[in-house]
C-alpha cells in the first residue's frame, strides 16, 4: 500500500481527525522525510496560524498559534500561494522568529506547503529536517498530501472559537 493509499484509508476511520493526521505524518515521512512535522490552519480572520497537529508536542504544542504578520515569507506562501523550500539555517532564520528552537531540534531545512481551496490558503503543512534535505522537486510529491488536508482544515476553521 502506498503512503497516499494509507492516508485515504485513515480518512475512513472513526474519531477524526487524529487517525488521519497520524497517517499523514507517517506518509510524508516515508515520502520525503522529516524531523519536525506540524499542521497549522489560518484563523477565520486570517490573523493567526493555529497548530492542530505536531509530532513534537513538547516543543510545538497543539493549540499554539503564530501571529500572521505581513512578511516576505507570508507574501510567498500565503499571498503567492506557493510552497516555501528553505535549504539552510540562513533560510530558517530568514523565515521564522523561532529559528533558534528549530535549529536546536536539528532542523536546517524546511518545506511549508500551502493547503489551498477555492483560491484561499487555508493553512500549511510544515516539514523540517537537516540541512539541504529538501529540494524543489519534493513539492509536487507533497501536493497530493496537502490536498487531503482541505476537509480537515475547513472543519477546524468552522469550529474555531475566534470565528
Protein backbone atom coordinates (compact mmCIF):
# COMPACT_ATOMS: atom_id res chain seq x y z
CA UNK A 1 0.00 0.00 0.00
CA UNK A 2 1.38 3.42 -0.93
CA UNK A 3 1.68 6.27 1.58
CA UNK A 4 -1.17 8.08 -0.18
CA UNK A 5 -3.39 4.99 -0.01
CA UNK A 6 -2.66 4.70 3.73
CA UNK A 7 -3.86 8.30 4.17
CA UNK A 8 -7.01 7.61 2.19
CA UNK A 9 -7.71 4.57 4.35
CA UNK A 10 -7.11 6.60 7.51
CA UNK A 11 -9.69 9.18 6.40
CA UNK A 12 -12.33 6.44 6.56
CA UNK A 13 -11.64 5.65 10.22
CA UNK A 14 -13.85 6.99 13.03
CA UNK A 15 -12.54 9.51 15.53
CA UNK A 16 -11.21 12.03 13.04
CA UNK A 17 -9.05 13.95 12.52
CA UNK A 18 -6.31 12.35 14.68
CA UNK A 19 -6.15 8.99 12.82
CA UNK A 20 -5.71 10.85 9.56
CA UNK A 21 -3.11 13.27 10.95
CA UNK A 22 -1.04 10.38 12.33
CA UNK A 23 -1.22 8.55 8.98
CA UNK A 24 -0.31 11.75 7.13
CA UNK A 25 2.67 12.29 9.43
CA UNK A 26 3.99 8.80 8.63
CA UNK A 27 3.16 9.10 4.92
CA UNK A 28 5.11 12.31 4.37
CA UNK A 29 7.96 10.91 6.49
CA UNK A 30 8.04 7.89 4.17
CA UNK A 31 7.78 10.08 1.06
CA UNK A 32 10.31 12.87 1.72
CA UNK A 33 11.33 12.53 5.37
CA UNK A 34 11.15 14.95 8.29
CA UNK A 35 12.25 15.57 11.85
CA UNK A 36 9.50 18.05 12.74
CA UNK A 37 6.03 17.90 11.22
CA UNK A 38 3.25 20.37 12.02
CA UNK A 39 -0.11 21.37 10.61
CA UNK A 40 -1.39 24.92 11.03
CA UNK A 41 -4.65 26.38 9.79
CA UNK A 42 -5.39 30.08 9.38
CA UNK A 43 -7.96 31.54 11.73
CA UNK A 44 -11.13 32.82 10.08
CA UNK A 45 -9.89 36.41 10.28
CA UNK A 46 -6.51 35.38 8.82
CA UNK A 47 -4.58 36.95 11.70
CA UNK A 48 -3.33 33.75 13.34
CA UNK A 49 -1.99 30.38 12.29
CA UNK A 50 -3.19 27.75 14.77
CA UNK A 51 -1.39 24.46 15.30
CA UNK A 52 -3.69 21.43 15.10
CA UNK A 53 -1.08 18.68 14.83
CA UNK A 54 2.55 18.20 15.74
CA UNK A 55 4.90 15.28 16.10
CA UNK A 56 6.78 17.22 18.82
CA UNK A 57 4.12 18.34 21.30
CA UNK A 58 6.62 19.43 23.95
CA UNK A 59 8.40 21.88 21.66
CA UNK A 60 5.42 22.77 19.46
CA UNK A 61 2.17 22.05 21.33
CA UNK A 62 -1.19 21.65 19.67
CA UNK A 63 -3.25 24.76 20.27
CA UNK A 64 -0.28 27.06 19.93
CA UNK A 65 -0.52 29.83 17.41
CA UNK A 66 1.59 32.29 15.48
CA UNK A 67 0.54 35.83 14.64
CA UNK A 68 0.28 36.22 10.87
CA UNK A 69 2.09 39.43 10.06
CA UNK A 70 2.97 40.65 6.60
CA UNK A 71 6.45 39.25 5.93
CA UNK A 72 8.37 38.13 2.85
CA UNK A 73 7.51 34.55 3.89
CA UNK A 74 3.76 35.30 4.04
CA UNK A 75 3.97 37.14 0.71
CA UNK A 76 5.44 33.98 -0.82
CA UNK A 77 3.32 31.28 0.87
CA UNK A 78 0.04 32.97 1.81
CA UNK A 79 -0.33 35.73 -0.76
CA UNK A 80 1.60 33.94 -3.52
CA UNK A 81 0.09 30.52 -2.74
CA UNK A 82 3.45 28.82 -3.31
CA UNK A 83 5.42 26.33 -1.26
CA UNK A 84 8.45 27.68 0.55
CA UNK A 85 11.55 25.49 0.38
CA UNK A 86 14.40 26.53 2.65
CA UNK A 87 17.69 24.67 2.37
CA UNK A 88 19.91 26.03 5.15
CA UNK A 89 19.98 27.59 8.60
CA UNK A 90 20.07 31.02 6.93
CA UNK A 91 16.79 30.21 5.18
CA UNK A 92 15.25 29.12 8.50
CA UNK A 93 16.47 32.34 10.16
CA UNK A 94 15.03 34.42 7.30
CA UNK A 95 11.59 32.85 7.60
CA UNK A 96 10.96 32.12 11.29
CA UNK A 97 11.25 34.08 14.52
CA UNK A 98 11.66 30.78 16.44
CA UNK A 99 14.68 29.77 14.34
CA UNK A 100 16.82 29.03 17.41
CA UNK A 101 14.35 26.42 18.68
CA UNK A 102 14.02 24.97 15.19
CA UNK A 103 17.80 24.66 14.84
CA UNK A 104 18.11 23.12 18.33
CA UNK A 105 15.95 20.26 17.03
CA UNK A 106 18.43 19.57 14.24
CA UNK A 107 16.32 21.25 11.58
CA UNK A 108 18.02 23.45 8.99
CA UNK A 109 15.73 22.90 6.01
CA UNK A 110 12.00 23.31 5.55
CA UNK A 111 9.07 22.90 3.24
CA UNK A 112 5.93 24.87 4.01
CA UNK A 113 3.17 23.52 1.78
CA UNK A 114 0.12 25.76 1.49
CA UNK A 115 -3.23 24.00 1.67
CA UNK A 116 -5.31 25.80 -0.95
CA UNK A 117 -9.02 25.61 -1.65
CA UNK A 118 -11.10 27.93 -3.82
CA UNK A 119 -8.14 30.28 -4.26
CA UNK A 120 -7.62 30.68 -0.49
CA UNK A 121 -4.76 29.39 1.65
CA UNK A 122 -6.45 27.52 4.49
CA UNK A 123 -3.20 26.71 6.28
CA UNK A 124 0.12 24.98 5.85
CA UNK A 125 1.68 21.55 6.14
CA UNK A 126 5.18 22.07 7.54
CA UNK A 127 8.10 19.67 7.28
CA UNK A 128 11.54 20.35 8.71
CA UNK A 129 14.72 18.27 8.53
CA UNK A 130 18.51 18.54 8.43
CA UNK A 131 20.39 20.95 6.18
CA UNK A 132 19.81 20.58 2.44
CA UNK A 133 17.39 17.70 2.98
CA UNK A 134 14.64 19.16 0.79
CA UNK A 135 14.59 20.36 -2.79
CA UNK A 136 12.03 21.96 -5.05
CA UNK A 137 11.40 18.53 -6.60
CA UNK A 138 9.81 17.44 -3.32
CA UNK A 139 6.97 19.96 -3.66
CA UNK A 140 4.97 18.08 -6.35
CA UNK A 141 5.40 14.87 -4.36
CA UNK A 142 3.75 16.56 -1.35
CA UNK A 143 0.89 18.29 -3.19
CA UNK A 144 -1.50 15.28 -3.03
CA UNK A 145 -0.99 15.09 0.74
CA UNK A 146 -1.64 18.82 1.15
CA UNK A 147 -4.86 18.46 -0.86
CA UNK A 148 -6.10 15.81 1.58
CA UNK A 149 -5.99 18.47 4.31
CA UNK A 150 -8.68 20.65 2.72
CA UNK A 151 -11.57 18.93 4.51
CA UNK A 152 -9.92 18.75 7.94
CA UNK A 153 -8.74 22.36 7.69
CA UNK A 154 -12.21 23.60 6.67
CA UNK A 155 -13.65 21.71 9.63
CA UNK A 156 -11.09 23.26 12.01
CA UNK A 157 -11.75 26.75 10.66
CA UNK A 158 -15.50 26.24 11.03
CA UNK A 159 -15.05 25.15 14.66
CA UNK A 160 -12.56 27.91 15.52
CA UNK A 161 -13.53 29.69 18.76
CA UNK A 162 -12.45 33.04 17.29
CA UNK A 163 -14.96 32.67 14.46
